[in-house]
């Protein structure tokens, strides 16, 4: 797959414990992104954060949280991102979704 130099990054901010139909929401989002043919998706686990409810989630030993913040990043062409936003609207009931232009420098794989 080839990505043009000008693409978009989709960032989805959710909680580690968020679910959709009993499954981890992060896994559902990544699987749906793959089915849609998006270039790739990465799930990043935060060590601290808070969202709209202002409840702080932290990995500190004395306040171990089982609902750490997650960020899912997806980069692809604007048309594919636009289409995937409809799927996300159905999946994400709590969280934040952002979209921004990015410049793609490399998109490579070993082919093996």
PDB file of N, CA and C in Angstrom:
ATOM      1  N   UNK A   1       0.847  -1.186   0.000  1.00  0.00           N
ATOM      2  CA  UNK A   1       0.000   0.000   0.000  1.00  0.00           C
ATOM      3  C   UNK A   1       0.886   1.241   0.000  1.00  0.00           C
ATOM      4  N   UNK A   2       0.470   2.226  -0.713  1.00  0.00           N
ATOM      5  CA  UNK A   2       1.201   3.491  -0.789  1.00  0.00           C
ATOM      6  C   UNK A   2       0.367   4.587  -0.133  1.00  0.00           C
ATOM      7  N   UNK A   3       1.012   5.407   0.661  1.00  0.00           N
ATOM      8  CA  UNK A   3       0.342   6.575   1.245  1.00  0.00           C
ATOM      9  C   UNK A   3       0.919   7.829   0.614  1.00  0.00           C
ATOM     10  N   UNK A   4       0.077   8.778   0.240  1.00  0.00           N
ATOM     11  CA  UNK A   4       0.593  10.038  -0.298  1.00  0.00           C
ATOM     12  C   UNK A   4       1.273  10.839   0.805  1.00  0.00           C
ATOM     13  N   UNK A   5       2.071  11.816   0.407  1.00  0.00           N
ATOM     14  CA  UNK A   5       2.787  12.639   1.385  1.00  0.00           C
ATOM     15  C   UNK A   5       1.824  13.359   2.327  1.00  0.00           C
ATOM     16  N   UNK A   6       0.667  13.754   1.824  1.00  0.00           N
ATOM     17  CA  UNK A   6      -0.311  14.450   2.662  1.00  0.00           C
ATOM     18  C   UNK A   6      -1.425  13.475   3.033  1.00  0.00           C
ATOM     19  N   UNK A   7      -1.555  13.237   4.325  1.00  0.00           N
ATOM     20  CA  UNK A   7      -2.563  12.302   4.828  1.00  0.00           C
ATOM     21  C   UNK A   7      -3.188  12.908   6.083  1.00  0.00           C
ATOM     22  N   UNK A   8      -3.942  12.106   6.806  1.00  0.00           N
ATOM     23  CA  UNK A   8      -4.552  12.569   8.058  1.00  0.00           C
ATOM     24  C   UNK A   8      -4.307  11.553   9.157  1.00  0.00           C
ATOM     25  N   UNK A   9      -4.222  12.079  10.391  1.00  0.00           N
ATOM     26  CA  UNK A   9      -4.091  11.230  11.577  1.00  0.00           C
ATOM     27  C   UNK A   9      -5.372  11.325  12.369  1.00  0.00           C
ATOM     28  N   UNK A  10      -5.903  10.187  12.699  1.00  0.00           N
ATOM     29  CA  UNK A  10      -7.073  10.091  13.552  1.00  0.00           C
ATOM     30  C   UNK A  10      -6.575   9.639  14.908  1.00  0.00           C
ATOM     31  N   UNK A  11      -6.966  10.340  15.954  1.00  0.00           N
ATOM     32  CA  UNK A  11      -6.607   9.952  17.325  1.00  0.00           C
ATOM     33  C   UNK A  11      -7.890   9.696  18.095  1.00  0.00           C
ATOM     34  N   UNK A  12      -7.943   8.549  18.732  1.00  0.00           N
ATOM     35  CA  UNK A  12      -9.112   8.162  19.509  1.00  0.00           C
ATOM     36  C   UNK A  12      -8.660   7.982  20.952  1.00  0.00           C
ATOM     37  N   UNK A  13      -9.197   8.797  21.847  1.00  0.00           N
ATOM     38  CA  UNK A  13      -8.850   8.760  23.262  1.00  0.00           C
ATOM     39  C   UNK A  13      -9.979   8.044  24.001  1.00  0.00           C
ATOM     40  N   UNK A  14      -9.662   6.882  24.566  1.00  0.00           N
ATOM     41  CA  UNK A  14     -10.655   6.099  25.301  1.00  0.00           C
ATOM     42  C   UNK A  14     -10.014   5.550  26.564  1.00  0.00           C
ATOM     43  N   UNK A  15     -10.766   4.796  27.338  1.00  0.00           N
ATOM     44  CA  UNK A  15     -10.248   4.137  28.525  1.00  0.00           C
ATOM     45  C   UNK A  15      -9.945   2.678  28.238  1.00  0.00           C
ATOM     46  N   UNK A  16      -8.988   2.157  28.950  1.00  0.00           N
ATOM     47  CA  UNK A  16      -8.561   0.769  28.768  1.00  0.00           C
ATOM     48  C   UNK A  16      -9.698  -0.224  29.047  1.00  0.00           C
ATOM     49  N   UNK A  17     -10.601   0.121  29.937  1.00  0.00           N
ATOM     50  CA  UNK A  17     -11.693  -0.779  30.299  1.00  0.00           C
ATOM     51  C   UNK A  17     -12.941  -0.586  29.436  1.00  0.00           C
ATOM     52  N   UNK A  18     -12.930   0.386  28.515  1.00  0.00           N
ATOM     53  CA  UNK A  18     -14.105   0.632  27.670  1.00  0.00           C
ATOM     54  C   UNK A  18     -14.399  -0.589  26.811  1.00  0.00           C
ATOM     55  N   UNK A  19     -15.695  -0.874  26.687  1.00  0.00           N
ATOM     56  CA  UNK A  19     -16.115  -2.067  25.959  1.00  0.00           C
ATOM     57  C   UNK A  19     -17.198  -1.739  24.942  1.00  0.00           C
ATOM     58  N   UNK A  20     -17.311  -2.625  23.961  1.00  0.00           N
ATOM     59  CA  UNK A  20     -18.390  -2.565  22.973  1.00  0.00           C
ATOM     60  C   UNK A  20     -18.896  -3.992  22.803  1.00  0.00           C
ATOM     61  N   UNK A  21     -20.149  -4.219  23.111  1.00  0.00           N
ATOM     62  CA  UNK A  21     -20.748  -5.563  23.061  1.00  0.00           C
ATOM     63  C   UNK A  21     -19.903  -6.583  23.823  1.00  0.00           C
ATOM     64  N   UNK A  22     -19.400  -6.185  25.001  1.00  0.00           N
ATOM     65  CA  UNK A  22     -18.645  -7.090  25.858  1.00  0.00           C
ATOM     66  C   UNK A  22     -17.181  -7.265  25.496  1.00  0.00           C
ATOM     67  N   UNK A  23     -16.733  -6.689  24.397  1.00  0.00           N
ATOM     68  CA  UNK A  23     -15.333  -6.801  23.961  1.00  0.00           C
ATOM     69  C   UNK A  23     -14.597  -5.504  24.231  1.00  0.00           C
ATOM     70  N   UNK A  24     -13.285  -5.580  24.404  1.00  0.00           N
ATOM     71  CA  UNK A  24     -12.493  -4.371  24.608  1.00  0.00           C
ATOM     72  C   UNK A  24     -12.646  -3.455  23.405  1.00  0.00           C
ATOM     73  N   UNK A  25     -13.007  -2.211  23.662  1.00  0.00           N
ATOM     74  CA  UNK A  25     -13.242  -1.252  22.582  1.00  0.00           C
ATOM     75  C   UNK A  25     -11.994  -1.037  21.737  1.00  0.00           C
ATOM     76  N   UNK A  26     -10.829  -1.000  22.369  1.00  0.00           N
ATOM     77  CA  UNK A  26      -9.587  -0.793  21.607  1.00  0.00           C
ATOM     78  C   UNK A  26      -9.389  -1.896  20.576  1.00  0.00           C
ATOM     79  N   UNK A  27      -9.673  -3.144  20.955  1.00  0.00           N
ATOM     80  CA  UNK A  27      -9.539  -4.256  20.018  1.00  0.00           C
ATOM     81  C   UNK A  27     -10.557  -4.160  18.890  1.00  0.00           C
ATOM     82  N   UNK A  28     -11.783  -3.785  19.225  1.00  0.00           N
ATOM     83  CA  UNK A  28     -12.833  -3.649  18.215  1.00  0.00           C
ATOM     84  C   UNK A  28     -12.446  -2.578  17.206  1.00  0.00           C
ATOM     85  N   UNK A  29     -11.951  -1.436  17.689  1.00  0.00           N
ATOM     86  CA  UNK A  29     -11.565  -0.340  16.792  1.00  0.00           C
ATOM     87  C   UNK A  29     -10.445  -0.768  15.851  1.00  0.00           C
ATOM     88  N   UNK A  30      -9.417  -1.429  16.379  1.00  0.00           N
ATOM     89  CA  UNK A  30      -8.291  -1.869  15.541  1.00  0.00           C
ATOM     90  C   UNK A  30      -8.768  -2.893  14.504  1.00  0.00           C
ATOM     91  N   UNK A  31      -9.609  -3.828  14.928  1.00  0.00           N
ATOM     92  CA  UNK A  31     -10.123  -4.827  13.987  1.00  0.00           C
ATOM     93  C   UNK A  31     -10.969  -4.175  12.886  1.00  0.00           C
ATOM     94  N   UNK A  32     -11.803  -3.210  13.263  1.00  0.00           N
ATOM     95  CA  UNK A  32     -12.631  -2.521  12.275  1.00  0.00           C
ATOM     96  C   UNK A  32     -11.768  -1.692  11.315  1.00  0.00           C
ATOM     97  N   UNK A  33     -10.714  -1.080  11.829  1.00  0.00           N
ATOM     98  CA  UNK A  33      -9.794  -0.312  10.980  1.00  0.00           C
ATOM     99  C   UNK A  33      -9.137  -1.240   9.959  1.00  0.00           C
ATOM    100  N   UNK A  34      -8.750  -2.412  10.406  1.00  0.00           N
ATOM    101  CA  UNK A  34      -8.118  -3.384   9.498  1.00  0.00           C
ATOM    102  C   UNK A  34      -9.102  -3.861   8.439  1.00  0.00           C
ATOM    103  N   UNK A  35     -10.327  -4.186   8.870  1.00  0.00           N
ATOM    104  CA  UNK A  35     -11.364  -4.623   7.917  1.00  0.00           C
ATOM    105  C   UNK A  35     -11.659  -3.553   6.870  1.00  0.00           C
ATOM    106  N   UNK A  36     -11.599  -2.290   7.294  1.00  0.00           N
ATOM    107  CA  UNK A  36     -11.884  -1.165   6.402  1.00  0.00           C
ATOM    108  C   UNK A  36     -10.746  -0.923   5.422  1.00  0.00           C
ATOM    109  N   UNK A  37      -9.576  -1.505   5.692  1.00  0.00           N
ATOM    110  CA  UNK A  37      -8.436  -1.340   4.798  1.00  0.00           C
ATOM    111  C   UNK A  37      -7.587  -0.121   5.105  1.00  0.00           C
ATOM    112  N   UNK A  38      -7.695   0.404   6.327  1.00  0.00           N
ATOM    113  CA  UNK A  38      -6.859   1.543   6.705  1.00  0.00           C
ATOM    114  C   UNK A  38      -5.404   1.107   6.790  1.00  0.00           C
ATOM    115  N   UNK A  39      -4.488   2.037   6.573  1.00  0.00           N
ATOM    116  CA  UNK A  39      -3.060   1.737   6.467  1.00  0.00           C
ATOM    117  C   UNK A  39      -2.483   1.077   7.721  1.00  0.00           C
ATOM    118  N   UNK A  40      -2.989   1.415   8.888  1.00  0.00           N
ATOM    119  CA  UNK A  40      -2.493   0.827  10.130  1.00  0.00           C
ATOM    120  C   UNK A  40      -3.098   1.518  11.334  1.00  0.00           C
ATOM    121  N   UNK A  41      -2.999   0.867  12.465  1.00  0.00           N
ATOM    122  CA  UNK A  41      -3.509   1.426  13.719  1.00  0.00           C
ATOM    123  C   UNK A  41      -2.568   1.025  14.844  1.00  0.00           C
ATOM    124  N   UNK A  42      -2.348   1.933  15.772  1.00  0.00           N
ATOM    125  CA  UNK A  42      -1.494   1.668  16.927  1.00  0.00           C
ATOM    126  C   UNK A  42      -2.226   2.092  18.186  1.00  0.00           C
ATOM    127  N   UNK A  43      -2.189   1.231  19.206  1.00  0.00           N
ATOM    128  CA  UNK A  43      -2.797   1.550  20.497  1.00  0.00           C
ATOM    129  C   UNK A  43      -1.670   1.890  21.470  1.00  0.00           C
ATOM    130  N   UNK A  44      -1.760   3.077  22.065  1.00  0.00           N
ATOM    131  CA  UNK A  44      -0.771   3.548  23.036  1.00  0.00           C
ATOM    132  C   UNK A  44      -1.431   3.627  24.407  1.00  0.00           C
ATOM    133  N   UNK A  45      -0.754   3.113  25.435  1.00  0.00           N
ATOM    134  CA  UNK A  45      -1.291   3.136  26.797  1.00  0.00           C
ATOM    135  C   UNK A  45      -0.649   4.288  27.552  1.00  0.00           C
ATOM    136  N   UNK A  46      -1.491   5.151  28.096  1.00  0.00           N
ATOM    137  CA  UNK A  46      -0.998   6.283  28.867  1.00  0.00           C
ATOM    138  C   UNK A  46      -0.684   5.891  30.301  1.00  0.00           C
ATOM    139  N   UNK A  47       0.161   6.681  30.953  1.00  0.00           N
ATOM    140  CA  UNK A  47       0.474   6.420  32.356  1.00  0.00           C
ATOM    141  C   UNK A  47      -0.346   7.291  33.299  1.00  0.00           C
ATOM    142  N   UNK A  48      -0.984   8.313  32.725  1.00  0.00           N
ATOM    143  CA  UNK A  48      -1.839   9.180  33.525  1.00  0.00           C
ATOM    144  C   UNK A  48      -2.703  10.009  32.593  1.00  0.00           C
ATOM    145  N   UNK A  49      -3.905  10.324  33.037  1.00  0.00           N
ATOM    146  CA  UNK A  49      -4.761  11.164  32.224  1.00  0.00           C
ATOM    147  C   UNK A  49      -6.134  11.326  32.833  1.00  0.00           C
ATOM    148  N   UNK A  50      -6.914  12.235  32.254  1.00  0.00           N
ATOM    149  CA  UNK A  50      -8.311  12.386  32.638  1.00  0.00           C
ATOM    150  C   UNK A  50      -9.071  12.886  31.431  1.00  0.00           C
ATOM    151  N   UNK A  51     -10.371  12.686  31.481  1.00  0.00           N
ATOM    152  CA  UNK A  51     -11.197  13.084  30.350  1.00  0.00           C
ATOM    153  C   UNK A  51     -12.337  13.967  30.789  1.00  0.00           C
ATOM    154  N   UNK A  52     -13.444  13.872  30.085  1.00  0.00           N
ATOM    155  CA  UNK A  52     -14.587  14.750  30.306  1.00  0.00           C
ATOM    156  C   UNK A  52     -15.148  14.669  31.725  1.00  0.00           C
ATOM    157  N   UNK A  53     -15.004  13.492  32.372  1.00  0.00           N
ATOM    158  CA  UNK A  53     -15.538  13.370  33.731  1.00  0.00           C
ATOM    159  C   UNK A  53     -14.556  13.874  34.795  1.00  0.00           C
ATOM    160  N   UNK A  54     -13.361  14.291  34.393  1.00  0.00           N
ATOM    161  CA  UNK A  54     -12.309  14.844  35.265  1.00  0.00           C
ATOM    162  C   UNK A  54     -11.773  13.857  36.297  1.00  0.00           C
ATOM    163  N   UNK A  55     -12.077  12.577  36.165  1.00  0.00           N
ATOM    164  CA  UNK A  55     -11.523  11.571  37.077  1.00  0.00           C
ATOM    165  C   UNK A  55     -10.126  11.190  36.583  1.00  0.00           C
ATOM    166  N   UNK A  56      -9.118  11.353  37.444  1.00  0.00           N
ATOM    167  CA  UNK A  56      -7.730  11.065  37.069  1.00  0.00           C
ATOM    168  C   UNK A  56      -7.485   9.560  37.121  1.00  0.00           C
ATOM    169  N   UNK A  57      -6.856   9.043  36.076  1.00  0.00           N
ATOM    170  CA  UNK A  57      -6.442   7.643  35.999  1.00  0.00           C
ATOM    171  C   UNK A  57      -4.925   7.651  36.033  1.00  0.00           C
ATOM    172  N   UNK A  58      -4.335   6.868  36.922  1.00  0.00           N
ATOM    173  CA  UNK A  58      -2.890   6.870  37.061  1.00  0.00           C
ATOM    174  C   UNK A  58      -2.364   5.469  37.324  1.00  0.00           C
ATOM    175  N   UNK A  59      -1.107   5.238  36.983  1.00  0.00           N
ATOM    176  CA  UNK A  59      -0.490   3.933  37.220  1.00  0.00           C
ATOM    177  C   UNK A  59       0.364   3.937  38.489  1.00  0.00           C
ATOM    178  N   UNK A  60       0.254   4.997  39.299  1.00  0.00           N
ATOM    179  CA  UNK A  60       1.030   5.059  40.533  1.00  0.00           C
ATOM    180  C   UNK A  60       0.730   3.838  41.398  1.00  0.00           C
ATOM    181  N   UNK A  61       1.750   3.305  42.029  1.00  0.00           N
ATOM    182  CA  UNK A  61       1.633   2.091  42.837  1.00  0.00           C
ATOM    183  C   UNK A  61       0.516   2.188  43.876  1.00  0.00           C
ATOM    184  N   UNK A  62       0.384   3.339  44.558  1.00  0.00           N
ATOM    185  CA  UNK A  62      -0.618   3.454  45.613  1.00  0.00           C
ATOM    186  C   UNK A  62      -2.030   3.636  45.081  1.00  0.00           C
ATOM    187  N   UNK A  63      -2.164   4.015  43.811  1.00  0.00           N
ATOM    188  CA  UNK A  63      -3.484   4.227  43.208  1.00  0.00           C
ATOM    189  C   UNK A  63      -3.570   3.514  41.883  1.00  0.00           C
ATOM    190  N   UNK A  64      -3.346   2.203  41.918  1.00  0.00           N
ATOM    191  CA  UNK A  64      -3.328   1.433  40.688  1.00  0.00           C
ATOM    192  C   UNK A  64      -4.702   1.445  40.027  1.00  0.00           C
ATOM    193  N   UNK A  65      -4.736   1.872  38.796  1.00  0.00           N
ATOM    194  CA  UNK A  65      -5.984   1.943  38.052  1.00  0.00           C
ATOM    195  C   UNK A  65      -6.036   0.828  37.022  1.00  0.00           C
ATOM    196  N   UNK A  66      -7.195   0.233  36.871  1.00  0.00           N
ATOM    197  CA  UNK A  66      -7.380  -0.777  35.846  1.00  0.00           C
ATOM    198  C   UNK A  66      -8.024  -0.163  34.607  1.00  0.00           C
ATOM    199  N   UNK A  67      -8.137   1.147  34.585  1.00  0.00           N
ATOM    200  CA  UNK A  67      -8.755   1.826  33.449  1.00  0.00           C
ATOM    201  C   UNK A  67      -7.849   2.959  32.988  1.00  0.00           C
ATOM    202  N   UNK A  68      -6.648   2.576  32.524  1.00  0.00           N
ATOM    203  CA  UNK A  68      -5.682   3.571  32.085  1.00  0.00           C
ATOM    204  C   UNK A  68      -6.134   4.181  30.759  1.00  0.00           C
ATOM    205  N   UNK A  69      -5.670   5.413  30.487  1.00  0.00           N
ATOM    206  CA  UNK A  69      -6.030   6.040  29.216  1.00  0.00           C
ATOM    207  C   UNK A  69      -5.341   5.341  28.043  1.00  0.00           C
ATOM    208  N   UNK A  70      -6.069   5.227  26.940  1.00  0.00           N
ATOM    209  CA  UNK A  70      -5.517   4.680  25.706  1.00  0.00           C
ATOM    210  C   UNK A  70      -5.686   5.703  24.592  1.00  0.00           C
ATOM    211  N   UNK A  71      -4.737   5.725  23.672  1.00  0.00           N
ATOM    212  CA  UNK A  71      -4.842   6.535  22.460  1.00  0.00           C
ATOM    213  C   UNK A  71      -4.621   5.579  21.290  1.00  0.00           C
ATOM    214  N   UNK A  72      -5.561   5.590  20.366  1.00  0.00           N
ATOM    215  CA  UNK A  72      -5.422   4.793  19.155  1.00  0.00           C
ATOM    216  C   UNK A  72      -5.144   5.769  18.022  1.00  0.00           C
ATOM    217  N   UNK A  73      -4.040   5.545  17.306  1.00  0.00           N
ATOM    218  CA  UNK A  73      -3.673   6.421  16.191  1.00  0.00           C
ATOM    219  C   UNK A  73      -3.793   5.661  14.881  1.00  0.00           C
ATOM    220  N   UNK A  74      -4.405   6.322  13.915  1.00  0.00           N
ATOM    221  CA  UNK A  74      -4.587   5.756  12.581  1.00  0.00           C
ATOM    222  C   UNK A  74      -4.215   6.843  11.570  1.00  0.00           C
ATOM    223  N   UNK A  75      -3.391   6.496  10.585  1.00  0.00           N
ATOM    224  CA  UNK A  75      -3.017   7.448   9.526  1.00  0.00           C
ATOM    225  C   UNK A  75      -3.426   6.866   8.182  1.00  0.00           C
ATOM    226  N   UNK A  76      -4.112   7.671   7.386  1.00  0.00           N
ATOM    227  CA  UNK A  76      -4.496   7.250   6.040  1.00  0.00           C
ATOM    228  C   UNK A  76      -4.966   8.477   5.265  1.00  0.00           C
ATOM    229  N   UNK A  77      -5.463   8.244   4.070  1.00  0.00           N
ATOM    230  CA  UNK A  77      -5.933   9.348   3.232  1.00  0.00           C
ATOM    231  C   UNK A  77      -7.258   9.893   3.796  1.00  0.00           C
ATOM    232  N   UNK A  78      -7.529  11.169   3.581  1.00  0.00           N
ATOM    233  CA  UNK A  78      -8.732  11.790   4.152  1.00  0.00           C
ATOM    234  C   UNK A  78     -10.038  11.062   3.833  1.00  0.00           C
ATOM    235  N   UNK A  79     -10.175  10.524   2.637  1.00  0.00           N
ATOM    236  CA  UNK A  79     -11.417   9.840   2.249  1.00  0.00           C
ATOM    237  C   UNK A  79     -11.657   8.589   3.098  1.00  0.00           C
ATOM    238  N   UNK A  80     -10.604   7.824   3.347  1.00  0.00           N
ATOM    239  CA  UNK A  80     -10.751   6.621   4.175  1.00  0.00           C
ATOM    240  C   UNK A  80     -11.018   6.984   5.633  1.00  0.00           C
ATOM    241  N   UNK A  81     -10.365   8.045   6.113  1.00  0.00           N
ATOM    242  CA  UNK A  81     -10.608   8.508   7.486  1.00  0.00           C
ATOM    243  C   UNK A  81     -12.064   8.940   7.626  1.00  0.00           C
ATOM    244  N   UNK A  82     -12.555   9.690   6.650  1.00  0.00           N
ATOM    245  CA  UNK A  82     -13.944  10.167   6.678  1.00  0.00           C
ATOM    246  C   UNK A  82     -14.929   9.004   6.756  1.00  0.00           C
ATOM    247  N   UNK A  83     -14.699   7.993   5.974  1.00  0.00           N
ATOM    248  CA  UNK A  83     -15.571   6.814   5.986  1.00  0.00           C
ATOM    249  C   UNK A  83     -15.515   6.110   7.340  1.00  0.00           C
ATOM    250  N   UNK A  84     -14.310   5.972   7.899  1.00  0.00           N
ATOM    251  CA  UNK A  84     -14.145   5.265   9.184  1.00  0.00           C
ATOM    252  C   UNK A  84     -14.780   6.034  10.345  1.00  0.00           C
ATOM    253  N   UNK A  85     -14.896   7.347  10.215  1.00  0.00           N
ATOM    254  CA  UNK A  85     -15.512   8.141  11.283  1.00  0.00           C
ATOM    255  C   UNK A  85     -16.956   7.708  11.543  1.00  0.00           C
ATOM    256  N   UNK A  86     -17.649   7.246  10.522  1.00  0.00           N
ATOM    257  CA  UNK A  86     -19.028   6.758  10.706  1.00  0.00           C
ATOM    258  C   UNK A  86     -19.047   5.523  11.601  1.00  0.00           C
ATOM    259  N   UNK A  87     -18.089   4.644  11.411  1.00  0.00           N
ATOM    260  CA  UNK A  87     -17.968   3.449  12.256  1.00  0.00           C
ATOM    261  C   UNK A  87     -17.637   3.856  13.685  1.00  0.00           C
ATOM    262  N   UNK A  88     -16.689   4.783  13.838  1.00  0.00           N
ATOM    263  CA  UNK A  88     -16.300   5.231  15.176  1.00  0.00           C
ATOM    264  C   UNK A  88     -17.459   5.878  15.922  1.00  0.00           C
ATOM    265  N   UNK A  89     -18.284   6.604  15.204  1.00  0.00           N
ATOM    266  CA  UNK A  89     -19.424   7.273  15.838  1.00  0.00           C
ATOM    267  C   UNK A  89     -20.339   6.255  16.509  1.00  0.00           C
ATOM    268  N   UNK A  90     -20.442   5.069  15.942  1.00  0.00           N
ATOM    269  CA  UNK A  90     -21.263   4.018  16.525  1.00  0.00           C
ATOM    270  C   UNK A  90     -20.559   3.309  17.677  1.00  0.00           C
ATOM    271  N   UNK A  91     -19.234   3.230  17.637  1.00  0.00           N
ATOM    272  CA  UNK A  91     -18.473   2.475  18.626  1.00  0.00           C
ATOM    273  C   UNK A  91     -18.129   3.262  19.887  1.00  0.00           C
ATOM    274  N   UNK A  92     -17.730   4.525  19.722  1.00  0.00           N
ATOM    275  CA  UNK A  92     -17.222   5.318  20.845  1.00  0.00           C
ATOM    276  C   UNK A  92     -18.379   6.073  21.499  1.00  0.00           C
ATOM    277  N   UNK A  93     -18.761   5.616  22.686  1.00  0.00           N
ATOM    278  CA  UNK A  93     -19.846   6.285  23.418  1.00  0.00           C
ATOM    279  C   UNK A  93     -19.305   7.241  24.476  1.00  0.00           C
ATOM    280  N   UNK A  94     -18.022   7.092  24.807  1.00  0.00           N
ATOM    281  CA  UNK A  94     -17.371   7.952  25.786  1.00  0.00           C
ATOM    282  C   UNK A  94     -15.918   8.103  25.364  1.00  0.00           C
ATOM    283  N   UNK A  95     -15.442   9.324  25.193  1.00  0.00           N
ATOM    284  CA  UNK A  95     -14.063   9.536  24.777  1.00  0.00           C
ATOM    285  C   UNK A  95     -13.940  10.758  23.890  1.00  0.00           C
ATOM    286  N   UNK A  96     -12.809  10.864  23.208  1.00  0.00           N
ATOM    287  CA  UNK A  96     -12.510  12.006  22.353  1.00  0.00           C
ATOM    288  C   UNK A  96     -11.906  11.487  21.053  1.00  0.00           C
ATOM    289  N   UNK A  97     -12.342  12.045  19.932  1.00  0.00           N
ATOM    290  CA  UNK A  97     -11.785  11.684  18.632  1.00  0.00           C
ATOM    291  C   UNK A  97     -11.323  12.973  17.964  1.00  0.00           C
ATOM    292  N   UNK A  98     -10.062  12.988  17.500  1.00  0.00           N
ATOM    293  CA  UNK A  98      -9.528  14.161  16.800  1.00  0.00           C
ATOM    294  C   UNK A  98      -9.006  13.733  15.436  1.00  0.00           C
ATOM    295  N   UNK A  99      -8.888  14.719  14.560  1.00  0.00           N
ATOM    296  CA  UNK A  99      -8.431  14.483  13.188  1.00  0.00           C
ATOM    297  C   UNK A  99      -7.529  15.646  12.805  1.00  0.00           C
ATOM    298  N   UNK A 100      -6.381  15.351  12.208  1.00  0.00           N
ATOM    299  CA  UNK A 100      -5.457  16.415  11.828  1.00  0.00           C
ATOM    300  C   UNK A 100      -4.618  16.010  10.623  1.00  0.00           C
ATOM    301  N   UNK A 101      -4.182  16.991   9.846  1.00  0.00           N
ATOM    302  CA  UNK A 101      -3.330  16.683   8.696  1.00  0.00           C
ATOM    303  C   UNK A 101      -1.929  16.288   9.166  1.00  0.00           C
ATOM    304  N   UNK A 102      -1.325  15.348   8.444  1.00  0.00           N
ATOM    305  CA  UNK A 102       0.056  14.938   8.726  1.00  0.00           C
ATOM    306  C   UNK A 102       0.813  14.798   7.415  1.00  0.00           C
ATOM    307  N   UNK A 103       2.112  14.903   7.500  1.00  0.00           N
ATOM    308  CA  UNK A 103       2.975  14.672   6.349  1.00  0.00           C
ATOM    309  C   UNK A 103       3.616  13.300   6.515  1.00  0.00           C
ATOM    310  N   UNK A 104       3.373  12.411   5.584  1.00  0.00           N
ATOM    311  CA  UNK A 104       3.932  11.060   5.637  1.00  0.00           C
ATOM    312  C   UNK A 104       5.326  11.094   5.012  1.00  0.00           C
ATOM    313  N   UNK A 105       6.321  10.720   5.783  1.00  0.00           N
ATOM    314  CA  UNK A 105       7.694  10.688   5.300  1.00  0.00           C
ATOM    315  C   UNK A 105       8.073   9.314   4.759  1.00  0.00           C
ATOM    316  N   UNK A 106       7.697   8.252   5.478  1.00  0.00           N
ATOM    317  CA  UNK A 106       7.939   6.874   5.057  1.00  0.00           C
ATOM    318  C   UNK A 106       6.715   6.047   5.433  1.00  0.00           C
ATOM    319  N   UNK A 107       6.443   5.036   4.635  1.00  0.00           N
ATOM    320  CA  UNK A 107       5.470   3.997   4.982  1.00  0.00           C
ATOM    321  C   UNK A 107       5.976   2.743   4.306  1.00  0.00           C
ATOM    322  N   UNK A 108       6.724   1.941   5.064  1.00  0.00           N
ATOM    323  CA  UNK A 108       7.436   0.810   4.482  1.00  0.00           C
ATOM    324  C   UNK A 108       7.144  -0.480   5.236  1.00  0.00           C
ATOM    325  N   UNK A 109       7.353  -1.591   4.545  1.00  0.00           N
ATOM    326  CA  UNK A 109       7.345  -2.884   5.201  1.00  0.00           C
ATOM    327  C   UNK A 109       8.384  -3.753   4.503  1.00  0.00           C
ATOM    328  N   UNK A 110       8.776  -4.816   5.189  1.00  0.00           N
ATOM    329  CA  UNK A 110       9.860  -5.641   4.656  1.00  0.00           C
ATOM    330  C   UNK A 110       9.411  -6.551   3.534  1.00  0.00           C
ATOM    331  N   UNK A 111       8.096  -6.754   3.386  1.00  0.00           N
ATOM    332  CA  UNK A 111       7.590  -7.584   2.300  1.00  0.00           C
ATOM    333  C   UNK A 111       7.678  -9.068   2.592  1.00  0.00           C
ATOM    334  N   UNK A 112       8.093  -9.427   3.825  1.00  0.00           N
ATOM    335  CA  UNK A 112       8.259 -10.837   4.145  1.00  0.00           C
ATOM    336  C   UNK A 112       7.182 -11.391   4.913  1.00  0.00           C
TER     337      UNK A 112
END
